[in-house]
N, C-alpha and C. Protein backbone atom coordinates (compact mmCIF):
# COMPACT_ATOMS: atom_id res chain seq x y z
N GLU A 1 2.99 -28.53 25.42
CA GLU A 1 3.94 -27.67 24.89
C GLU A 1 5.05 -28.21 24.26
N TRP A 2 5.45 -29.44 24.66
CA TRP A 2 6.64 -30.11 23.99
C TRP A 2 6.31 -30.36 22.54
N ALA A 3 5.07 -30.44 22.13
CA ALA A 3 4.80 -30.80 20.83
C ALA A 3 4.75 -29.53 19.92
N ALA A 4 4.93 -28.37 20.46
CA ALA A 4 4.79 -27.11 19.62
C ALA A 4 5.93 -27.11 18.65
N SER A 5 7.04 -27.72 18.99
CA SER A 5 8.22 -27.77 18.07
C SER A 5 8.11 -28.87 16.98
N TRP A 6 7.17 -29.72 17.04
CA TRP A 6 7.11 -30.82 16.03
C TRP A 6 6.81 -30.29 14.65
N LYS A 7 7.41 -31.07 13.77
CA LYS A 7 7.18 -30.75 12.23
C LYS A 7 5.80 -31.33 11.95
N GLU A 8 5.31 -30.60 10.88
CA GLU A 8 3.85 -30.89 10.45
C GLU A 8 3.66 -32.39 10.18
N VAL A 9 4.61 -33.08 9.66
CA VAL A 9 4.53 -34.43 9.26
C VAL A 9 4.47 -35.31 10.53
N THR A 10 5.25 -34.94 11.61
CA THR A 10 5.14 -35.64 12.91
C THR A 10 3.73 -35.40 13.56
N VAL A 11 3.30 -34.24 13.51
CA VAL A 11 2.00 -33.95 13.96
C VAL A 11 0.90 -34.81 13.38
N ARG A 12 0.89 -34.81 12.09
CA ARG A 12 -0.07 -35.65 11.24
C ARG A 12 0.06 -37.26 11.77
N ASP A 13 1.29 -37.61 11.80
CA ASP A 13 1.47 -39.12 12.20
C ASP A 13 0.88 -39.30 13.66
N PHE A 14 1.23 -38.40 14.55
CA PHE A 14 0.67 -38.45 16.00
C PHE A 14 -0.85 -38.36 15.89
N GLY A 15 -1.37 -37.52 15.11
CA GLY A 15 -2.78 -37.34 15.04
C GLY A 15 -3.42 -38.64 14.55
N ALA A 16 -2.94 -39.20 13.49
CA ALA A 16 -3.34 -40.51 13.01
C ALA A 16 -3.45 -41.58 14.06
N LYS A 17 -2.32 -41.62 14.87
CA LYS A 17 -2.28 -42.59 15.96
C LYS A 17 -3.29 -42.34 16.95
N LEU A 18 -3.53 -41.06 17.37
CA LEU A 18 -4.59 -40.62 18.32
C LEU A 18 -6.00 -40.88 17.78
N ASP A 19 -6.03 -40.86 16.47
CA ASP A 19 -7.42 -40.98 15.79
C ASP A 19 -7.73 -42.43 15.52
N SER A 20 -6.90 -43.32 15.90
CA SER A 20 -7.08 -44.74 15.61
C SER A 20 -8.06 -45.43 16.65
N PHE A 21 -8.26 -44.70 17.71
CA PHE A 21 -9.29 -45.34 18.68
C PHE A 21 -10.09 -44.24 19.33
N GLN A 22 -11.21 -44.55 19.89
CA GLN A 22 -12.21 -43.72 20.43
C GLN A 22 -11.72 -43.46 21.95
N TRP A 23 -11.25 -42.28 22.26
CA TRP A 23 -10.92 -41.92 23.66
C TRP A 23 -11.29 -40.47 24.07
N VAL A 24 -11.76 -39.73 23.24
CA VAL A 24 -12.25 -38.38 23.57
C VAL A 24 -13.70 -38.38 24.06
N PRO A 25 -13.83 -37.95 25.30
CA PRO A 25 -15.18 -37.84 25.87
C PRO A 25 -15.91 -36.61 25.15
N THR A 26 -17.26 -36.89 24.86
CA THR A 26 -18.07 -35.76 24.29
C THR A 26 -19.20 -35.43 25.14
N GLU A 27 -19.93 -34.26 24.68
CA GLU A 27 -21.00 -33.91 25.43
C GLU A 27 -22.22 -34.85 25.58
N ASP A 28 -22.23 -35.77 24.56
CA ASP A 28 -23.39 -36.78 24.64
C ASP A 28 -23.04 -37.98 25.52
N GLY A 29 -21.85 -37.96 26.14
CA GLY A 29 -21.35 -39.11 27.05
C GLY A 29 -20.58 -40.23 26.41
N SER A 30 -20.47 -40.10 25.11
CA SER A 30 -19.74 -41.19 24.53
C SER A 30 -18.36 -40.83 24.24
N LEU A 31 -17.54 -41.78 23.92
CA LEU A 31 -16.12 -41.66 23.51
C LEU A 31 -16.05 -41.73 21.96
N ARG A 32 -15.30 -40.77 21.38
CA ARG A 32 -15.19 -40.68 19.91
C ARG A 32 -13.69 -40.42 19.57
N THR A 33 -13.42 -40.63 18.27
CA THR A 33 -12.15 -40.31 17.76
C THR A 33 -11.98 -38.77 17.67
N ILE A 34 -10.82 -38.35 17.57
CA ILE A 34 -10.54 -36.86 17.42
C ILE A 34 -11.33 -36.35 16.18
N ALA A 35 -11.20 -37.05 15.06
CA ALA A 35 -11.77 -36.58 13.81
C ALA A 35 -13.31 -36.55 13.88
N GLN A 36 -13.93 -37.20 14.85
CA GLN A 36 -15.45 -37.15 14.97
C GLN A 36 -15.87 -36.06 15.98
N CYS A 37 -14.93 -35.43 16.53
CA CYS A 37 -15.29 -34.37 17.70
C CYS A 37 -15.05 -33.04 17.15
N PHE A 38 -15.76 -32.13 17.88
CA PHE A 38 -15.75 -30.63 17.55
C PHE A 38 -15.07 -29.96 18.74
N ASP A 39 -14.38 -28.82 18.33
CA ASP A 39 -13.80 -27.93 19.34
C ASP A 39 -14.90 -27.26 19.90
N PRO A 40 -15.07 -27.23 21.29
CA PRO A 40 -16.22 -26.61 21.86
C PRO A 40 -16.21 -25.16 21.83
N ALA A 41 -15.07 -24.50 21.63
CA ALA A 41 -14.91 -22.95 21.57
C ALA A 41 -14.96 -22.51 20.10
N GLN A 42 -14.85 -23.32 19.19
CA GLN A 42 -14.76 -22.87 17.92
C GLN A 42 -15.58 -23.51 16.78
N SER A 43 -16.72 -24.09 17.28
CA SER A 43 -17.60 -24.83 16.36
C SER A 43 -19.06 -24.23 16.45
N PRO A 44 -19.81 -24.38 15.44
CA PRO A 44 -21.22 -23.82 15.34
C PRO A 44 -22.07 -24.22 16.31
N ASP A 45 -22.89 -23.33 16.98
CA ASP A 45 -23.88 -23.77 18.03
C ASP A 45 -25.19 -24.31 17.38
N ALA A 46 -25.49 -24.00 16.20
CA ALA A 46 -26.89 -24.31 15.71
C ALA A 46 -27.25 -25.76 15.51
N PHE A 47 -26.17 -26.59 15.46
CA PHE A 47 -26.50 -28.01 15.03
C PHE A 47 -26.33 -29.01 16.20
N SER A 48 -27.27 -29.89 16.28
CA SER A 48 -27.43 -30.99 17.38
C SER A 48 -26.22 -31.93 17.14
N VAL A 49 -25.72 -32.24 15.88
CA VAL A 49 -24.60 -33.13 15.59
C VAL A 49 -23.36 -32.50 16.33
N VAL A 50 -23.22 -31.14 16.23
CA VAL A 50 -21.97 -30.54 16.75
C VAL A 50 -22.13 -30.59 18.30
N LYS A 51 -23.32 -30.20 18.84
CA LYS A 51 -23.44 -30.08 20.25
C LYS A 51 -23.08 -31.47 20.95
N SER A 52 -23.61 -32.54 20.44
CA SER A 52 -23.49 -33.75 20.95
C SER A 52 -22.05 -34.39 20.85
N ARG A 53 -21.31 -33.88 19.83
CA ARG A 53 -20.02 -34.37 19.58
C ARG A 53 -18.86 -33.36 19.92
N ARG A 54 -19.17 -32.40 20.73
CA ARG A 54 -18.04 -31.41 21.24
C ARG A 54 -17.27 -32.16 22.22
N ALA A 55 -15.92 -32.10 22.14
CA ALA A 55 -15.09 -32.64 23.05
C ALA A 55 -15.28 -32.07 24.37
N LYS A 56 -15.18 -32.92 25.36
CA LYS A 56 -15.51 -32.56 26.76
C LYS A 56 -14.24 -32.90 27.64
N LEU A 57 -13.24 -31.95 27.59
CA LEU A 57 -12.04 -32.32 28.23
C LEU A 57 -11.60 -31.38 29.28
N ASP A 58 -12.43 -30.28 29.46
CA ASP A 58 -11.87 -29.27 30.49
C ASP A 58 -11.69 -29.82 31.89
N GLN A 59 -12.51 -30.58 32.33
CA GLN A 59 -12.43 -31.20 33.69
C GLN A 59 -11.24 -32.05 33.86
N ILE A 60 -11.07 -32.94 32.85
CA ILE A 60 -9.88 -33.80 32.88
C ILE A 60 -8.56 -33.01 32.98
N MET A 61 -8.44 -31.97 31.97
CA MET A 61 -7.21 -31.17 31.89
C MET A 61 -7.04 -30.47 33.13
N SER A 62 -8.09 -30.02 33.83
CA SER A 62 -7.86 -29.27 35.02
C SER A 62 -7.40 -30.22 36.22
N GLU A 63 -8.04 -31.29 36.21
CA GLU A 63 -7.67 -32.38 37.22
C GLU A 63 -6.20 -32.83 37.08
N GLN A 64 -5.75 -32.87 35.84
CA GLN A 64 -4.39 -33.42 35.56
C GLN A 64 -3.42 -32.30 35.57
N GLY A 65 -3.87 -31.08 35.74
CA GLY A 65 -2.88 -29.85 35.71
C GLY A 65 -2.31 -29.49 34.48
N LEU A 66 -3.03 -29.96 33.37
CA LEU A 66 -2.45 -29.69 31.98
C LEU A 66 -2.74 -28.28 31.56
N ASN A 67 -1.97 -27.76 30.67
CA ASN A 67 -2.11 -26.42 29.97
C ASN A 67 -3.23 -26.58 28.95
N ALA A 68 -4.35 -26.22 29.31
CA ALA A 68 -5.51 -26.38 28.38
C ALA A 68 -5.33 -25.76 27.03
N GLN A 69 -4.83 -24.53 27.02
CA GLN A 69 -4.62 -24.00 25.67
C GLN A 69 -3.59 -24.75 24.77
N ALA A 70 -2.54 -25.36 25.39
CA ALA A 70 -1.64 -26.29 24.65
C ALA A 70 -2.35 -27.52 24.16
N VAL A 71 -3.23 -27.99 25.04
CA VAL A 71 -3.81 -29.36 24.66
C VAL A 71 -4.86 -29.08 23.55
N TRP A 72 -5.71 -27.99 23.61
CA TRP A 72 -6.59 -27.70 22.57
C TRP A 72 -5.97 -27.39 21.25
N ARG A 73 -4.90 -26.69 21.30
CA ARG A 73 -3.99 -26.37 20.15
C ARG A 73 -3.58 -27.66 19.42
N MET A 74 -3.11 -28.47 20.18
CA MET A 74 -2.53 -29.86 19.62
C MET A 74 -3.68 -30.67 19.05
N LEU A 75 -4.83 -30.73 19.86
CA LEU A 75 -6.00 -31.48 19.25
C LEU A 75 -6.43 -30.90 18.05
N ASN A 76 -6.44 -29.58 17.86
CA ASN A 76 -6.96 -28.90 16.64
C ASN A 76 -5.91 -29.30 15.53
N ARG A 77 -4.57 -29.34 15.78
CA ARG A 77 -3.68 -29.64 14.82
C ARG A 77 -3.79 -31.20 14.34
N CYS A 78 -4.29 -31.92 15.24
CA CYS A 78 -4.53 -33.38 15.06
C CYS A 78 -5.81 -33.79 14.38
N GLY A 79 -6.62 -32.84 14.13
CA GLY A 79 -7.93 -33.09 13.38
C GLY A 79 -9.26 -32.75 14.04
N LEU A 80 -9.17 -32.09 15.29
CA LEU A 80 -10.46 -31.72 15.93
C LEU A 80 -11.19 -30.80 14.99
N LYS A 81 -12.39 -30.90 14.83
CA LYS A 81 -13.24 -30.18 13.85
C LYS A 81 -13.79 -28.82 14.33
N LYS A 82 -13.71 -27.85 13.54
CA LYS A 82 -14.28 -26.51 13.80
C LYS A 82 -15.50 -26.23 13.04
N GLN A 83 -15.66 -26.93 11.97
CA GLN A 83 -16.90 -26.75 11.15
C GLN A 83 -17.52 -28.12 10.81
N ILE A 84 -18.72 -28.16 10.30
CA ILE A 84 -19.40 -29.42 10.03
C ILE A 84 -18.82 -29.91 8.64
N THR A 85 -18.85 -31.22 8.42
CA THR A 85 -18.41 -31.70 7.21
C THR A 85 -19.75 -32.04 6.43
N TRP A 86 -19.62 -32.51 5.14
CA TRP A 86 -20.79 -33.01 4.44
C TRP A 86 -21.56 -34.10 5.19
N GLN A 87 -20.65 -35.06 5.73
CA GLN A 87 -21.25 -36.30 6.42
C GLN A 87 -22.02 -35.70 7.66
N ASP A 88 -21.45 -34.80 8.36
CA ASP A 88 -22.22 -34.21 9.50
C ASP A 88 -23.48 -33.44 8.94
N ALA A 89 -23.46 -32.80 7.92
CA ALA A 89 -24.62 -32.12 7.40
C ALA A 89 -25.73 -33.12 7.07
N VAL A 90 -25.29 -34.25 6.48
CA VAL A 90 -26.27 -35.26 6.13
C VAL A 90 -26.99 -35.86 7.40
N GLU A 91 -26.16 -36.07 8.45
CA GLU A 91 -26.73 -36.58 9.65
C GLU A 91 -27.69 -35.55 10.33
N GLU A 92 -27.21 -34.25 10.33
CA GLU A 92 -28.03 -33.16 10.82
C GLU A 92 -29.21 -32.99 10.08
N ALA A 93 -29.30 -33.19 8.81
CA ALA A 93 -30.58 -33.04 7.88
C ALA A 93 -31.52 -34.22 8.32
N ALA A 94 -30.96 -35.44 8.48
CA ALA A 94 -31.86 -36.53 8.91
C ALA A 94 -32.48 -36.26 10.35
N VAL A 95 -31.76 -35.62 11.21
CA VAL A 95 -32.27 -35.34 12.50
C VAL A 95 -33.30 -34.33 12.39
N ALA A 96 -33.14 -33.28 11.65
CA ALA A 96 -34.02 -32.15 11.35
C ALA A 96 -35.32 -32.73 10.69
N MET A 97 -35.16 -33.79 9.70
CA MET A 97 -36.34 -34.19 9.06
C MET A 97 -37.22 -35.04 10.00
N SER A 98 -36.46 -35.78 10.81
CA SER A 98 -37.32 -36.69 11.66
C SER A 98 -38.03 -35.92 12.82
N ALA A 99 -37.40 -34.76 13.16
CA ALA A 99 -38.09 -33.83 14.10
C ALA A 99 -38.97 -32.77 13.50
N THR A 100 -39.04 -32.86 12.02
CA THR A 100 -39.76 -31.89 11.20
C THR A 100 -39.44 -30.41 11.70
N ASP A 101 -38.15 -30.27 11.82
CA ASP A 101 -37.63 -28.90 12.25
C ASP A 101 -37.17 -28.09 10.99
N VAL A 102 -38.01 -27.47 10.47
CA VAL A 102 -37.77 -26.78 9.14
C VAL A 102 -36.70 -25.73 9.32
N GLU A 103 -36.78 -24.96 10.48
CA GLU A 103 -35.73 -23.86 10.65
C GLU A 103 -34.36 -24.50 10.86
N ARG A 104 -34.09 -25.62 11.45
CA ARG A 104 -32.87 -26.31 11.60
C ARG A 104 -32.47 -26.68 10.24
N ALA A 105 -33.31 -27.25 9.36
CA ALA A 105 -33.00 -27.76 8.06
C ALA A 105 -32.52 -26.46 7.25
N LYS A 106 -33.18 -25.36 7.37
CA LYS A 106 -32.85 -24.25 6.59
C LYS A 106 -31.52 -23.73 7.00
N SER A 107 -31.04 -23.80 8.27
CA SER A 107 -29.72 -23.41 8.64
C SER A 107 -28.65 -24.26 8.14
N LEU A 108 -28.94 -25.46 7.65
CA LEU A 108 -27.97 -26.19 6.91
C LEU A 108 -27.51 -25.49 5.61
N LEU A 109 -28.45 -24.76 5.05
CA LEU A 109 -28.19 -24.21 3.74
C LEU A 109 -27.59 -22.79 3.78
N ALA A 110 -27.58 -22.23 4.98
CA ALA A 110 -27.11 -20.89 5.10
C ALA A 110 -25.61 -20.84 4.95
């Protein structure tokens, strides 16, 4: 909540510092940078890349007594993804091709 009053430049600097190392737990059990992760409430469900890289912070926030809404808002301001990037689409296409999942491949073009 204290970060809500920050100027956008300060938020970008803070986000860059947070994104300089892998600390965000994700659905696939790994730690990733903020920029590699997806917002679990605001990202597309159809893609395995998204599902595996969704940030998994609810339990930690609850245990620490943090305001989850404020934390998610700040993480979004710092670069948490809501949509797939071209790089994500390329990875998803490779997964779909290796699994010969034509429907999933088609969903990338929708």
